[in-house]
N, C-alpha and C. Protein backbone atom coordinates (compact mmCIF):
# COMPACT_ATOMS: atom_id res chain seq x y z
N MET A 1 103.75 53.04 150.67
CA MET A 1 103.56 54.68 150.66
C MET A 1 104.66 54.81 149.51
N LYS A 2 105.82 54.25 149.48
CA LYS A 2 106.94 54.55 148.03
C LYS A 2 106.22 53.97 147.10
N ARG A 3 105.88 52.69 146.77
CA ARG A 3 105.24 51.84 146.13
C ARG A 3 104.08 52.99 145.66
N MET A 4 103.38 53.44 145.78
CA MET A 4 102.63 54.63 145.23
C MET A 4 103.42 55.58 144.95
N ILE A 5 104.06 56.49 145.92
CA ILE A 5 105.31 57.39 145.03
C ILE A 5 105.57 57.09 143.88
N LYS A 6 105.89 56.01 143.99
CA LYS A 6 106.97 55.30 142.58
C LYS A 6 106.08 55.26 141.44
N PHE A 7 104.73 54.57 141.47
CA PHE A 7 103.71 54.86 140.29
C PHE A 7 103.23 55.93 139.98
N GLY A 8 103.22 56.78 141.19
CA GLY A 8 102.45 58.25 140.68
C GLY A 8 103.45 58.76 139.52
N LEU A 9 104.70 58.94 140.06
CA LEU A 9 105.91 59.04 139.14
C LEU A 9 105.40 58.86 137.82
N ILE A 10 105.56 57.14 137.75
CA ILE A 10 105.66 56.86 136.48
C ILE A 10 104.65 57.21 135.97
N PHE A 11 103.39 57.10 136.22
CA PHE A 11 102.29 57.22 135.53
C PHE A 11 102.43 59.01 134.73
N CYS A 12 102.60 60.40 135.48
CA CYS A 12 103.40 61.44 135.67
C CYS A 12 104.21 61.31 134.19
N LEU A 13 105.52 60.36 134.15
CA LEU A 13 106.50 60.34 132.97
C LEU A 13 105.68 59.83 131.69
N LEU A 14 104.66 59.21 131.64
CA LEU A 14 104.21 58.46 131.01
C LEU A 14 103.24 59.33 130.16
N ILE A 15 102.59 60.02 130.94
CA ILE A 15 101.71 60.97 130.80
C ILE A 15 102.56 61.86 129.74
N THR A 16 103.49 62.44 130.37
CA THR A 16 104.27 63.56 129.79
C THR A 16 105.00 63.28 128.26
N ALA A 17 105.24 62.05 128.59
CA ALA A 17 106.04 61.11 127.31
C ALA A 17 104.94 61.27 125.78
N ALA A 18 103.62 61.20 126.35
CA ALA A 18 102.89 60.87 125.37
C ALA A 18 102.36 62.14 124.81
N MET A 19 102.86 63.26 125.71
CA MET A 19 102.58 64.95 124.97
C MET A 19 103.92 65.40 124.32
N LEU A 20 104.88 64.64 124.26
CA LEU A 20 105.97 65.33 123.86
C LEU A 20 106.22 65.45 122.61
N PRO A 21 105.43 64.13 121.92
CA PRO A 21 105.75 64.29 120.36
C PRO A 21 104.90 65.38 119.54
N GLY A 22 103.43 65.63 119.89
CA GLY A 22 102.95 66.62 119.79
C GLY A 22 103.62 68.06 120.10
N GLN A 23 103.94 68.17 121.72
CA GLN A 23 104.10 69.74 121.56
C GLN A 23 105.92 69.94 120.69
N VAL A 24 106.48 69.06 120.43
CA VAL A 24 107.90 69.12 119.78
C VAL A 24 107.10 69.49 118.60
N LYS A 25 106.46 68.80 117.81
CA LYS A 25 105.66 69.25 116.23
C LYS A 25 105.74 70.39 115.79
N ALA A 26 104.61 70.75 117.05
CA ALA A 26 103.79 72.26 117.16
C ALA A 26 105.01 73.77 117.44
N GLN A 27 106.16 72.78 117.94
CA GLN A 27 107.30 74.04 118.02
C GLN A 27 108.34 74.00 117.29
N SER A 28 108.77 73.14 116.55
CA SER A 28 109.56 73.04 115.54
C SER A 28 109.29 73.26 113.74
N LEU A 29 110.15 73.67 113.37
CA LEU A 29 109.80 74.07 111.76
C LEU A 29 109.40 72.25 111.00
N LYS A 30 109.00 72.76 109.50
CA LYS A 30 108.28 72.03 108.89
C LYS A 30 110.00 71.66 108.17
N GLU A 31 110.39 70.78 108.14
CA GLU A 31 111.72 70.19 107.23
C GLU A 31 111.10 69.86 105.83
N ASN A 32 111.63 70.11 104.47
CA ASN A 32 111.35 69.61 103.46
C ASN A 32 112.87 69.86 102.53
N PRO A 33 113.65 68.66 102.60
CA PRO A 33 115.12 68.98 101.61
C PRO A 33 114.77 69.18 100.33
N ALA A 34 113.57 68.08 99.64
CA ALA A 34 113.55 68.17 98.37
C ALA A 34 113.09 69.87 98.01
N LEU A 35 112.55 70.52 99.00
CA LEU A 35 112.16 71.83 98.38
C LEU A 35 113.37 72.87 98.58
N ASP A 36 113.71 72.61 99.47
CA ASP A 36 115.31 73.50 100.06
C ASP A 36 115.80 72.94 98.82
N GLU A 37 116.37 72.36 97.73
CA GLU A 37 117.39 72.14 96.54
C GLU A 37 116.70 72.87 95.64
N LYS A 38 115.20 72.84 95.75
CA LYS A 38 114.52 73.45 94.69
C LYS A 38 114.81 74.94 94.36
N VAL A 39 114.93 75.34 96.08
CA VAL A 39 114.94 76.89 95.47
C VAL A 39 116.13 76.92 95.96
N LYS A 40 117.34 77.14 96.48
CA LYS A 40 118.76 76.94 96.44
C LYS A 40 119.09 76.82 94.78
N LYS A 41 118.76 75.89 93.93
CA LYS A 41 119.02 76.13 92.70
C LYS A 41 118.49 77.42 91.59
N ILE A 42 117.55 77.18 91.93
CA ILE A 42 116.92 78.86 91.39
C ILE A 42 117.41 80.16 91.89
N LEU A 43 117.65 80.04 93.18
CA LEU A 43 118.59 81.16 93.65
C LEU A 43 120.01 81.52 93.30
N SER A 44 120.39 79.92 93.21
CA SER A 44 121.71 79.88 92.55
C SER A 44 121.67 80.37 91.20
N ASP A 45 120.99 79.42 90.23
CA ASP A 45 120.83 79.90 88.63
C ASP A 45 120.70 81.41 88.63
N HIS A 46 119.89 82.18 89.17
CA HIS A 46 119.62 83.75 88.93
C HIS A 46 120.18 84.39 89.71
N SER A 47 121.61 83.57 90.13
CA SER A 47 122.29 85.23 90.74
C SER A 47 123.00 86.15 89.81
N GLY A 48 122.78 87.03 90.24
CA GLY A 48 123.02 88.44 90.06
C GLY A 48 122.27 89.19 88.69
N GLN A 49 121.16 87.97 88.71
CA GLN A 49 120.55 88.81 87.88
C GLN A 49 119.23 88.90 87.97
N TRP A 50 119.09 89.27 89.46
CA TRP A 50 117.68 89.66 89.77
C TRP A 50 117.78 91.09 90.19
N HIS A 51 117.43 91.45 88.88
CA HIS A 51 117.31 92.91 88.72
C HIS A 51 115.90 93.61 88.87
N ASP A 52 115.67 94.42 87.84
CA ASP A 52 113.79 95.36 88.10
C ASP A 52 113.43 94.90 89.32
N MET A 53 114.13 95.68 90.13
CA MET A 53 113.66 96.52 91.44
C MET A 53 113.26 95.49 92.19
N ASN A 54 114.08 94.02 92.23
CA ASN A 54 114.13 92.88 93.03
C ASN A 54 115.05 93.87 94.25
N VAL A 55 115.47 92.57 95.57
CA VAL A 55 115.99 93.43 96.68
C VAL A 55 117.34 92.20 96.31
N PRO A 56 118.07 93.34 96.81
CA PRO A 56 119.67 92.09 96.98
C PRO A 56 119.81 90.94 97.86
N THR A 57 120.69 89.78 97.85
CA THR A 57 120.13 88.73 98.41
C THR A 57 120.17 88.74 99.83
N VAL A 58 121.12 89.86 100.19
CA VAL A 58 121.06 90.39 101.56
C VAL A 58 119.95 90.36 102.48
N ASP A 59 119.11 91.91 101.61
CA ASP A 59 117.74 91.42 102.07
C ASP A 59 116.77 90.71 102.14
N GLY A 60 116.81 90.22 100.88
CA GLY A 60 116.12 88.24 101.30
C GLY A 60 116.63 87.81 102.03
N LYS A 61 117.52 87.43 102.16
CA LYS A 61 117.64 86.52 103.72
C LYS A 61 117.59 87.29 104.69
N LEU A 62 117.74 88.04 104.99
CA LEU A 62 117.38 88.82 106.44
C LEU A 62 115.61 88.75 106.54
N LEU A 63 115.08 88.90 105.14
CA LEU A 63 113.62 88.16 105.43
C LEU A 63 113.51 86.66 105.36
N TYR A 64 114.18 86.80 105.05
CA TYR A 64 114.02 84.76 105.49
C TYR A 64 113.61 84.98 106.80
N ASP A 65 115.07 85.09 107.77
CA ASP A 65 115.66 84.87 108.84
C ASP A 65 114.28 85.49 109.93
N LEU A 66 113.60 86.38 109.32
CA LEU A 66 112.74 87.43 110.21
C LEU A 66 111.77 86.39 110.33
N ILE A 67 111.41 86.29 109.43
CA ILE A 67 110.17 84.92 109.18
C ILE A 67 110.19 83.58 109.98
N ILE A 68 111.08 83.21 110.32
CA ILE A 68 111.53 81.92 110.67
C ILE A 68 112.07 82.26 112.60
N LYS A 69 112.21 83.26 112.40
CA LYS A 69 112.81 83.44 113.99
C LYS A 69 111.19 83.75 114.64
N GLY A 70 110.19 84.61 114.36
CA GLY A 70 108.91 84.67 114.43
C GLY A 70 108.13 84.11 114.37
N LYS A 71 108.43 83.01 113.57
CA LYS A 71 107.34 81.96 113.06
C LYS A 71 106.51 82.51 112.47
N TYR A 72 106.09 83.59 111.60
CA TYR A 72 104.97 83.80 111.28
C TYR A 72 104.38 83.09 109.84
N LYS A 73 103.45 83.37 109.52
CA LYS A 73 102.34 82.36 108.95
C LYS A 73 101.59 83.00 108.49
N SER A 74 100.92 84.58 108.40
CA SER A 74 100.08 84.95 107.38
C SER A 74 101.11 86.24 106.99
N ALA A 75 101.63 86.43 105.79
CA ALA A 75 102.76 87.27 105.21
C ALA A 75 101.66 88.02 104.30
N LEU A 76 102.28 89.47 103.95
CA LEU A 76 101.75 90.25 102.99
C LEU A 76 102.86 90.91 102.31
N GLU A 77 103.48 90.82 100.74
CA GLU A 77 104.28 91.59 99.91
C GLU A 77 103.81 92.83 98.86
N ILE A 78 103.77 93.95 99.18
CA ILE A 78 103.35 94.73 98.55
C ILE A 78 104.55 95.45 97.44
N GLY A 79 104.76 94.94 96.24
CA GLY A 79 105.74 95.06 95.34
C GLY A 79 106.16 93.70 95.23
N THR A 80 105.85 93.15 93.91
CA THR A 80 106.00 91.65 93.76
C THR A 80 107.68 91.71 92.80
N SER A 81 107.63 92.68 91.72
CA SER A 81 108.37 92.56 90.97
C SER A 81 108.70 91.37 90.35
N THR A 82 109.61 90.13 89.43
CA THR A 82 109.74 89.45 89.78
C THR A 82 110.28 88.11 90.16
N GLY A 83 110.00 88.39 91.73
CA GLY A 83 109.70 87.26 92.75
C GLY A 83 110.89 87.10 93.53
N HIS A 84 111.73 87.93 93.79
CA HIS A 84 112.96 87.59 94.52
C HIS A 84 112.87 87.45 96.20
N SER A 85 112.44 88.40 96.34
CA SER A 85 112.02 88.69 97.90
C SER A 85 110.72 87.63 98.66
N GLY A 86 109.80 87.22 97.25
CA GLY A 86 108.38 86.39 97.08
C GLY A 86 109.83 85.34 97.66
N ILE A 87 110.12 84.90 96.87
CA ILE A 87 110.74 83.67 97.29
C ILE A 87 111.64 83.22 98.46
N TYR A 88 112.44 84.28 99.14
CA TYR A 88 112.84 83.55 100.33
C TYR A 88 111.48 84.06 101.54
N ILE A 89 110.66 84.97 100.84
CA ILE A 89 109.85 84.82 102.27
C ILE A 89 109.07 83.73 102.27
N ALA A 90 108.28 83.05 100.81
CA ALA A 90 107.90 81.45 101.06
C ALA A 90 108.16 80.64 101.42
N TRP A 91 109.91 80.17 101.04
CA TRP A 91 110.36 79.80 101.48
C TRP A 91 110.55 79.48 103.17
N ALA A 92 110.79 80.81 103.66
CA ALA A 92 110.51 80.62 105.50
C ALA A 92 109.19 79.94 105.88
N LEU A 93 108.34 80.87 105.01
CA LEU A 93 107.00 80.44 105.13
C LEU A 93 106.37 79.07 104.85
N SER A 94 107.19 78.19 104.29
CA SER A 94 106.85 76.42 103.96
C SER A 94 107.55 75.62 104.99
N LYS A 95 108.39 76.91 106.26
CA LYS A 95 108.31 75.92 107.27
C LYS A 95 107.79 76.26 108.40
N THR A 96 107.28 77.02 107.83
CA THR A 96 106.04 77.83 109.33
C THR A 96 105.10 77.38 109.33
N GLY A 97 104.58 77.03 108.00
CA GLY A 97 103.56 76.75 107.81
C GLY A 97 102.69 77.13 107.53
N GLY A 98 103.30 78.67 106.80
CA GLY A 98 102.40 79.74 106.51
C GLY A 98 102.17 79.73 104.83
N ASN A 99 101.78 81.20 104.65
CA ASN A 99 101.23 81.30 103.19
C ASN A 99 101.27 82.92 102.79
N LEU A 100 101.59 83.27 101.58
CA LEU A 100 102.43 84.82 101.49
C LEU A 100 101.15 85.07 100.17
N ILE A 101 100.41 86.32 100.40
CA ILE A 101 100.38 87.44 99.47
C ILE A 101 101.17 88.20 98.91
N THR A 102 100.82 87.88 97.69
CA THR A 102 101.96 89.17 97.12
C THR A 102 101.61 89.99 95.86
N ILE A 103 101.50 91.43 95.93
CA ILE A 103 100.73 92.05 94.72
C ILE A 103 101.96 93.26 94.18
N ASP A 104 101.26 92.87 92.90
CA ASP A 104 101.95 93.89 91.96
C ASP A 104 101.30 94.11 90.48
N ILE A 105 101.63 95.29 90.01
CA ILE A 105 100.68 96.05 89.40
C ILE A 105 101.23 95.76 87.92
N ASP A 106 102.12 95.42 86.95
CA ASP A 106 103.25 95.03 86.47
C ASP A 106 102.80 93.70 85.91
N GLU A 107 102.21 94.04 84.28
CA GLU A 107 102.00 92.44 84.34
C GLU A 107 102.67 91.55 84.03
N ASP A 108 103.80 91.83 83.33
CA ASP A 108 104.71 91.27 82.34
C ASP A 108 105.42 90.73 83.97
N ARG A 109 106.13 91.58 85.13
CA ARG A 109 106.42 91.65 85.84
C ARG A 109 106.25 90.28 86.87
N HIS A 110 104.89 90.13 86.94
CA HIS A 110 103.49 89.52 87.20
C HIS A 110 103.52 88.08 86.74
N LYS A 111 103.32 87.70 85.46
CA LYS A 111 103.88 86.66 85.04
C LYS A 111 105.21 85.75 85.30
N THR A 112 106.09 87.21 85.27
CA THR A 112 107.64 86.29 85.65
C THR A 112 108.15 85.79 86.78
N ALA A 113 107.44 86.13 87.53
CA ALA A 113 107.38 85.89 88.86
C ALA A 113 106.57 84.85 89.19
N LEU A 114 105.75 84.75 88.42
CA LEU A 114 104.85 83.39 88.73
C LEU A 114 105.57 82.33 88.41
N GLU A 115 106.20 82.52 87.14
CA GLU A 115 107.14 81.22 86.89
C GLU A 115 108.32 81.10 87.49
N ASN A 116 108.60 81.78 87.95
CA ASN A 116 110.13 81.59 89.37
C ASN A 116 109.76 80.84 90.21
N PHE A 117 107.93 81.21 90.63
CA PHE A 117 108.07 80.68 92.02
C PHE A 117 107.30 79.68 92.04
N LYS A 118 106.96 78.98 90.43
CA LYS A 118 106.63 77.67 90.14
C LYS A 118 108.01 76.79 90.20
N GLN A 119 109.42 77.45 89.42
CA GLN A 119 110.63 76.39 89.42
C GLN A 119 110.85 76.42 90.93
N ALA A 120 110.51 77.24 92.05
CA ALA A 120 111.18 77.40 93.14
C ALA A 120 110.28 76.47 93.97
N GLY A 121 109.17 75.61 93.53
CA GLY A 121 108.20 74.82 94.13
C GLY A 121 107.81 75.20 95.13
N LEU A 122 107.33 76.71 94.87
CA LEU A 122 106.98 77.57 96.32
C LEU A 122 105.35 77.97 95.84
N SER A 123 104.86 77.58 94.69
CA SER A 123 103.60 78.22 94.47
C SER A 123 102.50 78.09 94.86
N GLU A 124 102.54 77.02 95.92
CA GLU A 124 101.28 76.63 96.75
C GLU A 124 101.30 77.16 97.84
N TYR A 125 102.50 77.88 98.26
CA TYR A 125 102.70 78.98 99.55
C TYR A 125 101.86 80.38 99.28
N ILE A 126 102.17 80.51 97.71
CA ILE A 126 101.99 81.92 97.81
C ILE A 126 100.60 82.34 96.29
N ASP A 127 100.14 83.19 96.96
CA ASP A 127 98.61 83.99 96.08
C ASP A 127 99.43 85.05 95.60
N ALA A 128 99.72 85.09 94.33
CA ALA A 128 100.55 86.20 93.55
C ALA A 128 99.06 87.02 92.66
N ARG A 129 98.92 88.14 93.05
CA ARG A 129 97.65 88.81 92.42
C ARG A 129 98.34 89.93 91.76
N LEU A 130 97.88 90.79 90.54
CA LEU A 130 98.46 91.02 89.48
C LEU A 130 96.75 92.44 89.86
N ALA A 131 97.31 93.55 90.64
CA ALA A 131 96.54 94.77 91.09
C ALA A 131 97.01 95.56 91.44
N ASP A 132 96.36 96.64 91.67
CA ASP A 132 96.88 98.10 92.42
C ASP A 132 96.67 98.07 94.29
N ALA A 133 97.91 97.95 94.11
CA ALA A 133 98.12 97.96 95.70
C ALA A 133 97.40 98.90 96.75
N HIS A 134 97.05 100.24 95.80
CA HIS A 134 97.04 101.39 96.43
C HIS A 134 95.08 100.97 96.60
N SER A 135 94.43 100.21 95.94
CA SER A 135 92.89 99.87 96.39
C SER A 135 92.81 98.44 96.87
N LEU A 136 94.10 97.35 96.66
CA LEU A 136 93.40 96.65 97.09
C LEU A 136 94.21 95.90 98.67
N VAL A 137 95.39 97.06 98.99
CA VAL A 137 95.41 96.78 100.39
C VAL A 137 94.35 97.15 101.23
N LYS A 138 93.56 98.47 100.79
CA LYS A 138 92.44 98.74 101.74
C LYS A 138 91.59 97.39 102.17
N GLU A 139 91.29 96.88 100.76
CA GLU A 139 90.04 95.81 100.80
C GLU A 139 90.82 94.35 101.49
N LEU A 140 91.85 94.14 101.42
CA LEU A 140 92.63 93.11 102.42
C LEU A 140 92.08 92.84 103.86
N LYS A 141 91.28 91.69 104.23
CA LYS A 141 91.02 91.43 105.31
C LYS A 141 92.50 91.06 106.37
N GLY A 142 93.16 90.32 105.97
CA GLY A 142 93.95 90.09 106.83
C GLY A 142 93.66 89.30 107.96
N PRO A 143 93.76 88.86 109.24
CA PRO A 143 95.27 89.87 109.63
C PRO A 143 96.58 89.22 109.14
N PHE A 144 97.54 89.88 109.28
CA PHE A 144 98.30 89.63 109.00
C PHE A 144 99.68 89.60 110.06
N ASP A 145 100.60 88.34 110.10
CA ASP A 145 101.70 88.93 111.25
C ASP A 145 102.97 89.07 110.13
N PHE A 146 103.20 89.01 109.12
CA PHE A 146 104.56 89.84 108.32
C PHE A 146 104.04 90.57 107.35
N VAL A 147 104.85 91.54 107.06
CA VAL A 147 104.58 92.38 105.74
C VAL A 147 106.13 93.05 105.43
N PHE A 148 106.09 92.91 103.99
CA PHE A 148 107.02 93.52 103.46
C PHE A 148 106.77 94.42 102.19
N SER A 149 107.03 95.59 102.69
CA SER A 149 106.45 96.59 101.57
C SER A 149 107.85 96.93 100.95
N ASP A 150 107.70 97.00 99.33
CA ASP A 150 108.60 97.79 98.75
C ASP A 150 107.88 97.99 97.20
N ALA A 151 107.13 98.68 97.52
CA ALA A 151 106.40 99.38 95.79
C ALA A 151 106.80 100.87 95.72
N ASP A 152 105.83 101.73 95.67
CA ASP A 152 105.89 103.02 95.28
C ASP A 152 106.35 103.89 96.76
N LYS A 153 107.80 104.13 96.67
CA LYS A 153 107.84 104.97 98.16
C LYS A 153 107.27 106.11 98.70
N ASN A 154 106.45 106.97 97.75
CA ASN A 154 106.01 107.99 97.79
C ASN A 154 104.40 107.99 98.51
N TRP A 155 104.09 106.30 98.57
CA TRP A 155 102.57 105.64 99.17
C TRP A 155 103.17 104.68 100.29
N TYR A 156 104.54 104.83 100.97
CA TYR A 156 104.62 103.98 101.82
C TYR A 156 103.92 104.35 103.25
N LYS A 157 103.50 105.56 103.65
CA LYS A 157 102.82 105.56 104.61
C LYS A 157 101.48 105.75 104.64
N ASN A 158 101.11 105.66 103.58
CA ASN A 158 99.47 104.76 103.36
C ASN A 158 99.43 103.60 103.20
N TYR A 159 100.11 102.64 102.85
CA TYR A 159 100.38 101.31 102.91
C TYR A 159 100.58 100.90 104.41
N PHE A 160 101.32 101.67 105.25
CA PHE A 160 101.37 101.17 106.63
C PHE A 160 100.48 101.86 107.70
N ILE A 161 99.79 102.95 107.20
CA ILE A 161 98.22 103.43 107.47
C ILE A 161 97.46 101.98 107.79
N ASP A 162 97.12 101.98 106.33
CA ASP A 162 95.71 100.55 106.04
C ASP A 162 96.07 99.57 106.70
N ILE A 163 97.53 99.22 106.86
CA ILE A 163 97.60 97.65 107.31
C ILE A 163 97.54 97.48 108.78
N ASP A 164 98.00 98.74 109.26
CA ASP A 164 97.90 98.78 110.92
C ASP A 164 97.05 98.17 111.80
N PRO A 165 95.98 98.44 111.30
CA PRO A 165 94.87 97.80 112.04
C PRO A 165 94.56 96.03 111.64
N LYS A 166 95.41 95.69 110.60
CA LYS A 166 95.37 94.51 110.34
C LYS A 166 96.76 93.13 110.81
N LEU A 167 97.43 94.14 110.99
CA LEU A 167 99.10 93.58 111.71
C LEU A 167 98.33 93.28 113.10
N LYS A 168 98.61 91.82 113.61
CA LYS A 168 98.78 91.21 114.80
C LYS A 168 99.82 92.33 116.05
N VAL A 169 99.25 91.94 117.29
CA VAL A 169 100.52 92.22 118.30
C VAL A 169 101.49 91.44 117.97
N GLY A 170 102.80 91.75 117.83
CA GLY A 170 103.85 91.04 117.56
C GLY A 170 104.37 90.76 116.47
N GLY A 171 103.68 91.14 115.31
CA GLY A 171 103.63 91.00 114.14
C GLY A 171 104.75 92.25 113.35
N CYS A 172 105.46 91.92 112.51
CA CYS A 172 106.26 92.41 112.15
C CYS A 172 105.92 92.85 110.77
N PHE A 173 106.50 94.82 110.59
CA PHE A 173 106.24 95.30 109.30
C PHE A 173 107.46 95.94 108.91
N THR A 174 108.10 95.70 107.61
CA THR A 174 109.31 95.78 107.31
C THR A 174 108.91 96.59 105.91
N THR A 175 110.22 97.58 105.53
CA THR A 175 109.84 98.21 104.37
C THR A 175 111.50 98.72 104.08
N HIS A 176 111.22 98.24 102.54
CA HIS A 176 112.29 98.37 101.73
C HIS A 176 113.02 99.82 101.24
N ASN A 177 114.39 99.93 101.17
CA ASN A 177 114.96 101.33 100.62
C ASN A 177 114.60 102.43 101.68
N ILE A 178 114.93 102.16 102.77
CA ILE A 178 114.69 103.51 103.54
C ILE A 178 116.59 103.75 104.33
N SER A 179 116.87 104.84 104.47
CA SER A 179 117.82 105.57 104.83
C SER A 179 117.79 106.62 106.09
N ASP A 180 118.55 106.78 106.74
CA ASP A 180 118.99 107.36 107.87
C ASP A 180 119.53 109.07 107.31
N ARG A 181 120.34 108.82 106.13
CA ARG A 181 120.58 110.13 105.79
C ARG A 181 119.66 110.38 104.76
N SER A 182 119.49 112.31 104.78
CA SER A 182 118.92 112.41 104.15
C SER A 182 119.01 112.47 102.12
N MET A 183 118.50 112.11 101.53
CA MET A 183 118.16 111.86 100.17
C MET A 183 117.41 113.06 99.08
N GLY A 184 117.99 113.03 97.74
CA GLY A 184 117.59 114.38 97.12
C GLY A 184 116.26 113.72 96.14
N GLY A 185 115.52 114.64 95.94
CA GLY A 185 114.38 114.21 95.00
C GLY A 185 113.11 113.86 95.78
N ARG A 186 112.03 113.07 94.93
CA ARG A 186 110.84 112.89 95.67
C ARG A 186 111.05 111.71 96.43
N ARG A 187 111.60 111.19 96.04
CA ARG A 187 111.92 109.50 96.63
C ARG A 187 112.24 109.85 98.13
N GLY A 188 113.48 110.42 97.74
CA GLY A 188 113.87 110.59 99.11
C GLY A 188 113.48 111.79 100.34
N ALA A 189 112.80 112.15 100.12
CA ALA A 189 111.89 113.12 100.60
C ALA A 189 110.81 112.20 101.51
N SER A 190 109.76 111.33 100.43
CA SER A 190 109.01 110.22 100.89
C SER A 190 109.25 109.66 101.69
N SER A 191 110.85 108.91 101.67
CA SER A 191 111.51 108.18 102.37
C SER A 191 111.71 108.71 104.03
N GLN A 192 112.35 110.19 104.01
CA GLN A 192 112.23 110.79 105.09
C GLN A 192 111.00 110.82 105.96
N VAL A 193 109.94 111.23 105.41
CA VAL A 193 108.88 111.46 106.07
C VAL A 193 108.24 110.13 106.46
N TYR A 194 108.30 109.35 105.60
CA TYR A 194 108.18 107.67 106.35
C TYR A 194 109.05 107.60 107.38
N LEU A 195 109.69 107.63 107.32
CA LEU A 195 110.77 107.06 108.89
C LEU A 195 110.41 108.20 109.77
N GLU A 196 110.07 108.76 109.77
CA GLU A 196 109.99 109.80 110.67
C GLU A 196 108.59 109.56 111.74
N TYR A 197 107.68 109.48 110.43
CA TYR A 197 106.15 108.80 111.04
C TYR A 197 106.15 107.33 111.81
N VAL A 198 106.89 106.24 111.15
CA VAL A 198 106.77 104.95 111.77
C VAL A 198 107.58 104.87 113.05
N ARG A 199 109.05 106.00 113.24
CA ARG A 199 109.53 106.29 114.23
C ARG A 199 108.75 107.19 115.80
N SER A 200 107.91 107.39 114.93
CA SER A 200 106.90 108.19 115.94
C SER A 200 105.81 107.49 116.61
N GLN A 201 105.58 106.32 116.27
CA GLN A 201 104.67 105.18 116.62
C GLN A 201 105.39 104.59 117.87
N LYS A 202 104.32 104.73 118.97
CA LYS A 202 105.07 104.38 120.44
C LYS A 202 104.50 102.81 120.68
N ASN A 203 103.44 102.34 119.48
CA ASN A 203 103.61 100.81 119.82
C ASN A 203 103.93 100.26 119.33
N TYR A 204 105.42 100.79 118.27
CA TYR A 204 106.07 100.09 117.27
C TYR A 204 107.57 99.96 117.70
N GLU A 205 108.23 99.08 117.43
CA GLU A 205 109.65 98.93 118.40
C GLU A 205 110.54 99.20 116.79
N THR A 206 111.16 99.72 115.98
CA THR A 206 111.39 100.23 115.09
C THR A 206 112.98 100.08 115.04
N THR A 207 113.55 99.68 113.75
CA THR A 207 115.19 99.62 113.63
C THR A 207 115.87 99.38 112.20
N LEU A 208 116.63 100.11 112.30
CA LEU A 208 116.98 100.01 110.62
C LEU A 208 118.25 99.41 110.77
N ASN A 209 117.85 98.05 109.17
CA ASN A 209 119.11 97.51 109.06
C ASN A 209 119.78 97.94 107.80
N THR A 210 121.27 98.17 107.68
CA THR A 210 121.88 99.01 106.82
C THR A 210 122.74 97.44 106.18
N ALA A 211 122.23 96.40 106.29
CA ALA A 211 123.64 95.74 105.47
C ALA A 211 123.05 95.46 104.19
N GLY A 212 122.11 95.62 103.73
CA GLY A 212 121.99 95.50 102.17
C GLY A 212 121.33 97.07 101.73
N ASN A 213 120.13 97.39 101.49
CA ASN A 213 119.51 98.67 100.52
C ASN A 213 118.67 99.02 101.71
N GLY A 214 118.95 98.61 103.19
CA GLY A 214 117.90 99.46 104.20
C GLY A 214 116.58 98.99 103.92
N LEU A 215 116.41 98.28 105.29
CA LEU A 215 115.50 97.37 105.82
C LEU A 215 114.82 97.94 106.87
N LEU A 216 113.77 99.04 106.83
CA LEU A 216 113.23 99.37 108.30
C LEU A 216 112.46 98.29 108.84
N ILE A 217 112.88 98.04 110.05
CA ILE A 217 112.08 96.56 110.83
C ILE A 217 111.53 96.97 112.04
N SER A 218 109.65 97.04 111.75
CA SER A 218 109.03 97.93 112.56
C SER A 218 108.05 96.34 113.41
N TYR A 219 108.35 96.35 114.63
CA TYR A 219 107.40 95.12 115.76
C TYR A 219 106.32 95.84 116.07
N LYS A 220 105.32 95.53 116.12
CA LYS A 220 104.23 95.78 116.70
C LYS A 220 104.22 95.28 118.46
N LYS A 221 104.11 96.24 118.81
CA LYS A 221 103.90 95.89 121.02
C LYS A 221 103.04 95.50 120.98
N THR A 222 101.70 97.15 120.89
CA THR A 222 100.58 96.58 121.51
C THR A 222 98.98 97.62 120.26
N GLU A 223 98.31 97.72 120.35
CA GLU A 223 97.25 97.86 119.54
C GLU A 223 97.74 99.30 119.24
N LYS A 224 97.83 100.00 120.37
CA LYS A 224 98.05 101.33 120.27
C LYS A 224 98.99 102.10 121.15
């Protein structure tokens, strides 16, 4: 009897050991030191030069961390600019095994972003589109599990409404340049209306990170 129990235990251990490599691989992030160095280099070389409506470094790092933490794979960025945020997003996606669709309507910014993505070694992870996001966002099929909205502020609510059905439960919708304080002008009013709208969505858990330029982070908990 003891021999049978011992044999059974050894057999179970062998089966478990055979399964572990695949399980560990599925749960771990992809490592690419050469790519990491290329990304770090372009971020360092362009440090302090990411103007033209790009995010500050602290927000770029936060986007990266959110994707790594959630292990998101299907990302959408509305408002590419010249690619600072896209680099952080795609860098994280290169580790989770994902891809990014990013949209910008300005041809010069689009071309500059493409070159920056190439220098960073991230082009294969990015589908950069020169288009009007007002119409393209409606046409995209998704589904997405991560969204970064950083385009025209008066259209934020529309983007959110259009993407909501295409965002997976457990997914994360992030929005840039949001503040709890009432700001003057049309942009400030639009942001406040948007903030109130998102916070009213009972199927989302929303927080505001103010370490940078105000990043609204909304996790989709249920479909409705």
